[in-house]
Amino acid sequence: MPKFLFVYHGGKKPDTPEAVEEVMAKWGAWVGGMGAAAVDPGNPVGMSKTVASSSVADNGGANPASGYGIVSAASIEEAVKQAKGCPILEAGGTVEVAEIIEM
């Protein structure tokens, strides 16, 4: 079955311990609901650098990644349906979905 990369962009970080617990519970329920399709539930990511042939920028580009995950799905349409349940959407973020091409 094809695998898809979920790249999370943006989203507001929780500002209290209670909000962190609530958000983590939502992420756990979402990932758990995908079952075996959640190949790698992923993690948040830190500051990134954008590397070009002539420069390195410290800003992560126009839309820096805030995390990632890997899921299996029969099609990109199915992967998009899975992404629509992602808690980052509630926090104002987005999910970029791309098929991982096996080489």
C-alpha atoms as a PDB file:
ATOM      1  CA  MET A   1       0.000   0.000   0.000  1.00  0.00           C
ATOM      2  CA  PRO A   2       1.356   3.469  -0.783  1.00  0.00           C
ATOM      3  CA  LYS A   3       2.740   5.625   2.013  1.00  0.00           C
ATOM      4  CA  PHE A   4       2.112   9.343   2.376  1.00  0.00           C
ATOM      5  CA  LEU A   5       4.078  12.028   4.144  1.00  0.00           C
ATOM      6  CA  PHE A   6       2.073  14.446   6.261  1.00  0.00           C
ATOM      7  CA  VAL A   7       3.953  17.699   6.770  1.00  0.00           C
ATOM      8  CA  TYR A   8       2.352  19.880   9.411  1.00  0.00           C
ATOM      9  CA  HIS A   9       2.618  23.650   9.028  1.00  0.00           C
ATOM     10  CA  GLY A  10       1.778  26.290  11.611  1.00  0.00           C
ATOM     11  CA  GLY A  11      -0.659  25.764  14.411  1.00  0.00           C
ATOM     12  CA  LYS A  12      -0.793  27.481  17.772  1.00  0.00           C
ATOM     13  CA  LYS A  13       1.152  25.870  20.598  1.00  0.00           C
ATOM     14  CA  PRO A  14      -0.870  25.224  23.768  1.00  0.00           C
ATOM     15  CA  ASP A  15      -0.066  27.749  26.485  1.00  0.00           C
ATOM     16  CA  THR A  16      -1.012  25.908  29.682  1.00  0.00           C
ATOM     17  CA  PRO A  17      -0.298  22.416  31.014  1.00  0.00           C
ATOM     18  CA  GLU A  18      -4.015  21.643  30.790  1.00  0.00           C
ATOM     19  CA  ALA A  19      -4.125  22.749  27.144  1.00  0.00           C
ATOM     20  CA  VAL A  20      -1.077  20.571  26.401  1.00  0.00           C
ATOM     21  CA  GLU A  21      -2.855  17.545  27.903  1.00  0.00           C
ATOM     22  CA  GLU A  22      -5.992  18.278  25.884  1.00  0.00           C
ATOM     23  CA  VAL A  23      -4.093  18.664  22.614  1.00  0.00           C
ATOM     24  CA  MET A  24      -2.006  15.534  23.235  1.00  0.00           C
ATOM     25  CA  ALA A  25      -5.199  13.561  23.919  1.00  0.00           C
ATOM     26  CA  LYS A  26      -6.644  14.763  20.598  1.00  0.00           C
ATOM     27  CA  TRP A  27      -3.474  13.782  18.732  1.00  0.00           C
ATOM     28  CA  GLY A  28      -3.452  10.384  20.464  1.00  0.00           C
ATOM     29  CA  ALA A  29      -7.080   9.731  19.549  1.00  0.00           C
ATOM     30  CA  TRP A  30      -6.517  10.793  15.937  1.00  0.00           C
ATOM     31  CA  VAL A  31      -3.397   8.664  15.472  1.00  0.00           C
ATOM     32  CA  GLY A  32      -4.968   5.765  17.371  1.00  0.00           C
ATOM     33  CA  GLY A  33      -8.053   5.967  15.173  1.00  0.00           C
ATOM     34  CA  MET A  34      -5.897   5.364  12.102  1.00  0.00           C
ATOM     35  CA  GLY A  35      -4.651   2.067  13.538  1.00  0.00           C
ATOM     36  CA  ALA A  36      -2.012   0.345  11.415  1.00  0.00           C
ATOM     37  CA  ALA A  37      -2.315   3.078   8.769  1.00  0.00           C
ATOM     38  CA  ALA A  38      -0.247   5.305  11.086  1.00  0.00           C
ATOM     39  CA  VAL A  39       3.116   3.935   9.925  1.00  0.00           C
ATOM     40  CA  ASP A  40       5.072   6.605  11.822  1.00  0.00           C
ATOM     41  CA  PRO A  41       2.960   8.947  13.949  1.00  0.00           C
ATOM     42  CA  GLY A  42       5.763  11.489  13.638  1.00  0.00           C
ATOM     43  CA  ASN A  43       6.834  14.310  15.874  1.00  0.00           C
ATOM     44  CA  PRO A  44       7.007  18.072  16.049  1.00  0.00           C
ATOM     45  CA  VAL A  45      10.133  19.595  14.528  1.00  0.00           C
ATOM     46  CA  GLY A  46      12.347  22.441  15.667  1.00  0.00           C
ATOM     47  CA  MET A  47      13.873  25.366  13.824  1.00  0.00           C
ATOM     48  CA  SER A  48      14.699  24.499  10.239  1.00  0.00           C
ATOM     49  CA  LYS A  49      17.107  25.833   7.646  1.00  0.00           C
ATOM     50  CA  THR A  50      16.363  26.176   3.953  1.00  0.00           C
ATOM     51  CA  VAL A  51      19.337  25.073   1.880  1.00  0.00           C
ATOM     52  CA  ALA A  52      19.737  26.362  -1.679  1.00  0.00           C
ATOM     53  CA  SER A  53      22.702  25.957  -4.014  1.00  0.00           C
ATOM     54  CA  SER A  54      23.996  29.409  -3.118  1.00  0.00           C
ATOM     55  CA  SER A  55      22.697  30.059   0.401  1.00  0.00           C
ATOM     56  CA  VAL A  56      21.304  28.749   3.670  1.00  0.00           C
ATOM     57  CA  ALA A  57      18.385  30.566   5.309  1.00  0.00           C
ATOM     58  CA  ASP A  58      17.505  30.137   8.989  1.00  0.00           C
ATOM     59  CA  ASN A  59      13.797  30.813   8.601  1.00  0.00           C
ATOM     60  CA  GLY A  60      12.489  27.503   7.254  1.00  0.00           C
ATOM     61  CA  GLY A  61      11.075  29.179   4.163  1.00  0.00           C
ATOM     62  CA  ALA A  62       7.726  30.800   3.545  1.00  0.00           C
ATOM     63  CA  ASN A  63       5.749  28.076   5.319  1.00  0.00           C
ATOM     64  CA  PRO A  64       8.054  26.251   7.755  1.00  0.00           C
ATOM     65  CA  ALA A  65       7.255  22.734   8.852  1.00  0.00           C
ATOM     66  CA  SER A  66       6.082  22.262  12.435  1.00  0.00           C
ATOM     67  CA  GLY A  67       5.982  18.443  12.348  1.00  0.00           C
ATOM     68  CA  TYR A  68       5.514  15.315  10.269  1.00  0.00           C
ATOM     69  CA  GLY A  69       3.874  11.904  10.126  1.00  0.00           C
ATOM     70  CA  ILE A  70       3.743   8.953   7.715  1.00  0.00           C
ATOM     71  CA  VAL A  71       0.557   7.057   6.913  1.00  0.00           C
ATOM     72  CA  SER A  72      -0.397   4.295   4.525  1.00  0.00           C
ATOM     73  CA  ALA A  73      -3.471   4.704   2.361  1.00  0.00           C
ATOM     74  CA  ALA A  74      -4.845   3.249  -0.863  1.00  0.00           C
ATOM     75  CA  SER A  75      -4.782   6.654  -2.584  1.00  0.00           C
ATOM     76  CA  ILE A  76      -3.925  10.288  -2.002  1.00  0.00           C
ATOM     77  CA  GLU A  77      -7.663  10.958  -1.679  1.00  0.00           C
ATOM     78  CA  GLU A  78      -7.834   8.487   1.219  1.00  0.00           C
ATOM     79  CA  ALA A  79      -4.744  10.074   2.804  1.00  0.00           C
ATOM     80  CA  VAL A  80      -6.374  13.507   2.500  1.00  0.00           C
ATOM     81  CA  LYS A  81      -9.467  12.163   4.290  1.00  0.00           C
ATOM     82  CA  GLN A  82      -7.209  10.951   7.113  1.00  0.00           C
ATOM     83  CA  ALA A  83      -5.462  14.339   7.243  1.00  0.00           C
ATOM     84  CA  LYS A  84      -8.789  16.159   7.595  1.00  0.00           C
ATOM     85  CA  GLY A  85      -9.056  14.756  11.137  1.00  0.00           C
ATOM     86  CA  CYS A  86      -5.677  16.149  12.230  1.00  0.00           C
ATOM     87  CA  PRO A  87      -5.845  18.279  15.396  1.00  0.00           C
ATOM     88  CA  ILE A  88      -3.453  20.856  13.937  1.00  0.00           C
ATOM     89  CA  LEU A  89      -6.335  22.075  11.768  1.00  0.00           C
ATOM     90  CA  GLU A  90      -8.191  23.166  14.925  1.00  0.00           C
ATOM     91  CA  ALA A  91      -5.100  25.170  15.927  1.00  0.00           C
ATOM     92  CA  GLY A  92      -4.998  27.107  12.647  1.00  0.00           C
ATOM     93  CA  GLY A  93      -2.385  24.900  10.988  1.00  0.00           C
ATOM     94  CA  THR A  94      -2.384  22.914   7.774  1.00  0.00           C
ATOM     95  CA  VAL A  95      -1.366  19.443   6.615  1.00  0.00           C
ATOM     96  CA  GLU A  96       0.548  18.975   3.380  1.00  0.00           C
ATOM     97  CA  VAL A  97       0.009  15.466   1.958  1.00  0.00           C
ATOM     98  CA  ALA A  98       2.514  13.939  -0.483  1.00  0.00           C
ATOM     99  CA  GLU A  99       2.950  10.383  -1.702  1.00  0.00           C
ATOM    100  CA  ILE A 100       6.279   8.805  -0.826  1.00  0.00           C
ATOM    101  CA  ILE A 101       7.681   7.314  -4.024  1.00  0.00           C
ATOM    102  CA  GLU A 102       9.571   4.079  -3.372  1.00  0.00           C
ATOM    103  CA  MET A 103      12.800   3.922  -5.353  1.00  0.00           C
END
